[in-house]
Amino acid sequence: MDRNRTFIIWITLFIGLCLQIMPWTASFYMLKPHWLMLILVYWLLALPHRVSIGTAFIVGIIVDLFTGTLLGVHAFIFSVIAYLAVFKFQLVRNLALWQQSVIIFCLSVCYDVLLFIFEVSIYHTITMSPLILLSSLVDGLLWTWIYLLLRQIRRHFDIN
């Protein structure tokens, strides 16, 4: 029974991966949320004993394989995001949802900045514009709904 519960977590992460790699038009690309990061952060905060930095690393490797980026870039970024999320997870869990949204916004900005640093250092190209903060804003706004949806899934399947 415990395996089925862990399987549900991986299914939600897989759905996040599918949403993450789904192509968007160029005009809306700046608004594209970091779906996988949002889902991963939820599970990191809700069940830090089941979903850890190691899980984030594995998810990052999978993203690298699917997106064709240099192997390890997203693994490192997701590991850093996971560390920042679980560093004070008890505090973050007890905050109001709007306060958690601000933290999610900051984590999303961190994700974008780390990705930018890797792109500049590896590919020597600058592809970031200030409009990328719009996707971080969308992440912050989506957090409440993602949180409530995944909490409902967690309660329905009794995942502890």
Protein backbone atom coordinates (compact mmCIF):
# COMPACT_ATOMS: atom_id res chain seq x y z
CA MET A 1 0.00 0.00 0.00
CA ASP A 2 2.88 2.33 0.77
CA ARG A 3 4.23 1.83 -2.77
CA ASN A 4 0.96 3.02 -4.29
CA ARG A 5 1.17 6.23 -2.28
CA THR A 6 4.69 6.92 -3.47
CA PHE A 7 3.51 6.13 -6.99
CA ILE A 8 0.92 8.93 -6.72
CA ILE A 9 3.70 11.41 -5.88
CA TRP A 10 5.65 10.30 -8.95
CA ILE A 11 2.53 10.54 -11.13
CA THR A 12 2.03 14.16 -10.08
CA LEU A 13 5.69 14.86 -10.80
CA PHE A 14 5.31 13.22 -14.22
CA ILE A 15 2.28 15.41 -14.95
CA GLY A 16 4.38 18.41 -13.93
CA LEU A 17 7.12 17.27 -16.31
CA CYS A 18 4.64 16.97 -19.17
CA LEU A 19 3.32 20.46 -18.45
CA GLN A 20 6.88 21.77 -18.16
CA ILE A 21 8.07 20.49 -21.53
CA MET A 22 4.85 21.35 -23.34
CA PRO A 23 5.61 23.99 -26.00
CA TRP A 24 4.13 27.47 -25.72
CA THR A 25 3.90 30.14 -28.36
CA ALA A 26 6.63 32.76 -28.34
CA SER A 27 4.20 35.51 -27.33
CA PHE A 28 3.12 33.65 -24.18
CA TYR A 29 6.43 31.96 -23.34
CA MET A 30 7.32 34.59 -20.74
CA LEU A 31 4.18 33.65 -18.81
CA LYS A 32 4.93 29.92 -18.75
CA PRO A 33 4.90 28.66 -15.16
CA HIS A 34 7.52 26.32 -13.76
CA TRP A 35 5.00 23.53 -13.23
CA LEU A 36 7.46 20.90 -12.14
CA MET A 37 9.11 23.21 -9.64
CA LEU A 38 5.73 24.08 -8.11
CA ILE A 39 4.73 20.44 -7.73
CA LEU A 40 8.14 19.45 -6.42
CA VAL A 41 8.14 22.25 -3.84
CA TYR A 42 4.69 21.21 -2.65
CA TRP A 43 5.84 17.65 -2.01
CA LEU A 44 9.06 18.89 -0.41
CA LEU A 45 7.09 21.00 2.04
CA ALA A 46 4.31 18.48 2.65
CA LEU A 47 6.39 15.31 2.93
CA PRO A 48 10.07 16.14 3.44
CA HIS A 49 10.69 12.60 4.73
CA ARG A 50 9.53 11.11 1.39
CA VAL A 51 10.52 13.74 -1.16
CA SER A 52 14.00 15.12 -0.66
CA ILE A 53 16.89 16.84 -2.39
CA GLY A 54 17.75 13.47 -3.94
CA THR A 55 14.30 13.33 -5.52
CA ALA A 56 14.82 16.85 -6.83
CA PHE A 57 18.15 15.80 -8.33
CA ILE A 58 16.56 12.82 -10.11
CA VAL A 59 13.73 15.01 -11.41
CA GLY A 60 16.31 17.51 -12.65
CA ILE A 61 18.21 14.80 -14.52
CA ILE A 62 14.94 13.73 -16.16
CA VAL A 63 14.24 17.34 -17.19
CA ASP A 64 17.75 17.58 -18.65
CA LEU A 65 17.15 14.43 -20.68
CA PHE A 66 13.78 15.62 -21.97
CA THR A 67 14.83 19.18 -22.80
CA GLY A 68 18.21 18.35 -24.27
CA THR A 69 20.14 20.69 -22.00
CA LEU A 70 23.56 19.86 -20.66
CA LEU A 71 23.19 16.94 -18.27
CA GLY A 72 23.19 18.15 -14.69
CA VAL A 73 22.05 21.75 -15.17
CA HIS A 74 18.46 21.26 -14.07
CA ALA A 75 19.57 18.62 -11.58
CA PHE A 76 21.72 21.22 -9.86
CA ILE A 77 19.03 23.91 -10.06
CA PHE A 78 16.30 21.64 -8.68
CA SER A 79 18.64 20.51 -5.90
CA VAL A 80 19.31 24.13 -4.91
CA ILE A 81 15.60 24.95 -5.02
CA ALA A 82 14.87 21.84 -2.92
CA TYR A 83 17.50 22.85 -0.38
CA LEU A 84 16.07 26.35 -0.12
CA ALA A 85 12.54 24.94 0.24
CA VAL A 86 13.33 22.40 2.97
CA PHE A 87 15.82 24.58 4.84
CA LYS A 88 12.99 26.10 6.91
CA PHE A 89 10.12 23.90 5.78
CA GLN A 90 8.35 24.01 9.16
CA LEU A 91 8.26 27.79 9.02
CA VAL A 92 7.07 27.86 5.42
CA ARG A 93 4.36 25.25 6.08
CA ASN A 94 2.90 27.38 8.84
CA LEU A 95 2.72 30.57 6.80
CA ALA A 96 -0.46 31.78 5.16
CA LEU A 97 -0.88 30.83 1.52
CA TRP A 98 -0.26 34.37 0.31
CA GLN A 99 3.01 34.43 2.25
CA GLN A 100 3.96 31.06 0.77
CA SER A 101 3.21 32.56 -2.66
CA VAL A 102 5.82 35.24 -2.02
CA ILE A 103 8.36 32.55 -1.13
CA ILE A 104 7.42 30.62 -4.28
CA PHE A 105 7.94 33.80 -6.29
CA CYS A 106 11.43 34.13 -4.78
CA LEU A 107 12.23 30.46 -5.49
CA SER A 108 11.06 30.91 -9.06
CA VAL A 109 13.27 33.97 -9.49
CA CYS A 110 16.16 31.91 -8.08
CA TYR A 111 15.39 29.17 -10.62
CA ASP A 112 15.47 31.68 -13.50
CA VAL A 113 18.66 33.35 -12.27
CA LEU A 114 20.47 30.02 -11.88
CA LEU A 115 19.34 28.95 -15.35
CA PHE A 116 20.56 32.30 -16.71
CA ILE A 117 23.97 31.86 -15.04
CA PHE A 118 24.34 28.40 -16.57
CA GLU A 119 23.31 29.63 -20.02
CA VAL A 120 25.81 32.48 -19.91
CA SER A 121 28.66 30.33 -18.60
CA ILE A 122 28.07 27.34 -20.90
CA TYR A 123 26.60 28.78 -24.10
CA HIS A 124 27.91 32.36 -23.81
CA THR A 125 24.51 33.71 -24.84
CA ILE A 126 22.17 36.03 -23.01
CA THR A 127 18.56 34.98 -23.46
CA MET A 128 17.04 36.47 -20.33
CA SER A 129 14.93 39.58 -20.33
CA PRO A 130 13.24 41.35 -17.43
CA LEU A 131 9.96 39.90 -18.71
CA ILE A 132 11.04 36.51 -17.35
CA LEU A 133 9.91 37.77 -13.96
CA LEU A 134 6.37 37.47 -15.32
CA SER A 135 6.67 33.69 -15.17
CA SER A 136 7.79 33.98 -11.54
CA LEU A 137 4.78 36.16 -10.85
CA VAL A 138 2.54 33.55 -12.49
CA ASP A 139 4.18 30.90 -10.28
CA GLY A 140 3.37 32.93 -7.19
CA LEU A 141 -0.22 33.39 -8.30
CA LEU A 142 -0.65 29.71 -9.21
CA TRP A 143 0.78 28.47 -5.91
CA THR A 144 -2.51 28.71 -4.03
CA TRP A 145 -4.35 26.53 -6.55
CA ILE A 146 -1.48 24.06 -6.92
CA TYR A 147 -1.23 23.80 -3.14
CA LEU A 148 -4.95 23.21 -2.66
CA LEU A 149 -5.15 20.69 -5.52
CA LEU A 150 -2.16 18.65 -4.36
CA ARG A 151 -3.32 18.79 -0.74
CA GLN A 152 -6.66 17.39 -1.86
CA ILE A 153 -4.85 14.60 -3.75
CA ARG A 154 -2.67 13.90 -0.72
CA ARG A 155 -5.69 13.65 1.57
CA HIS A 156 -7.73 11.58 -0.87
CA PHE A 157 -4.99 8.97 -1.27
CA ASP A 158 -3.95 9.28 2.40
CA ILE A 159 -0.31 9.98 1.55
CA ASN A 160 1.73 10.53 4.70
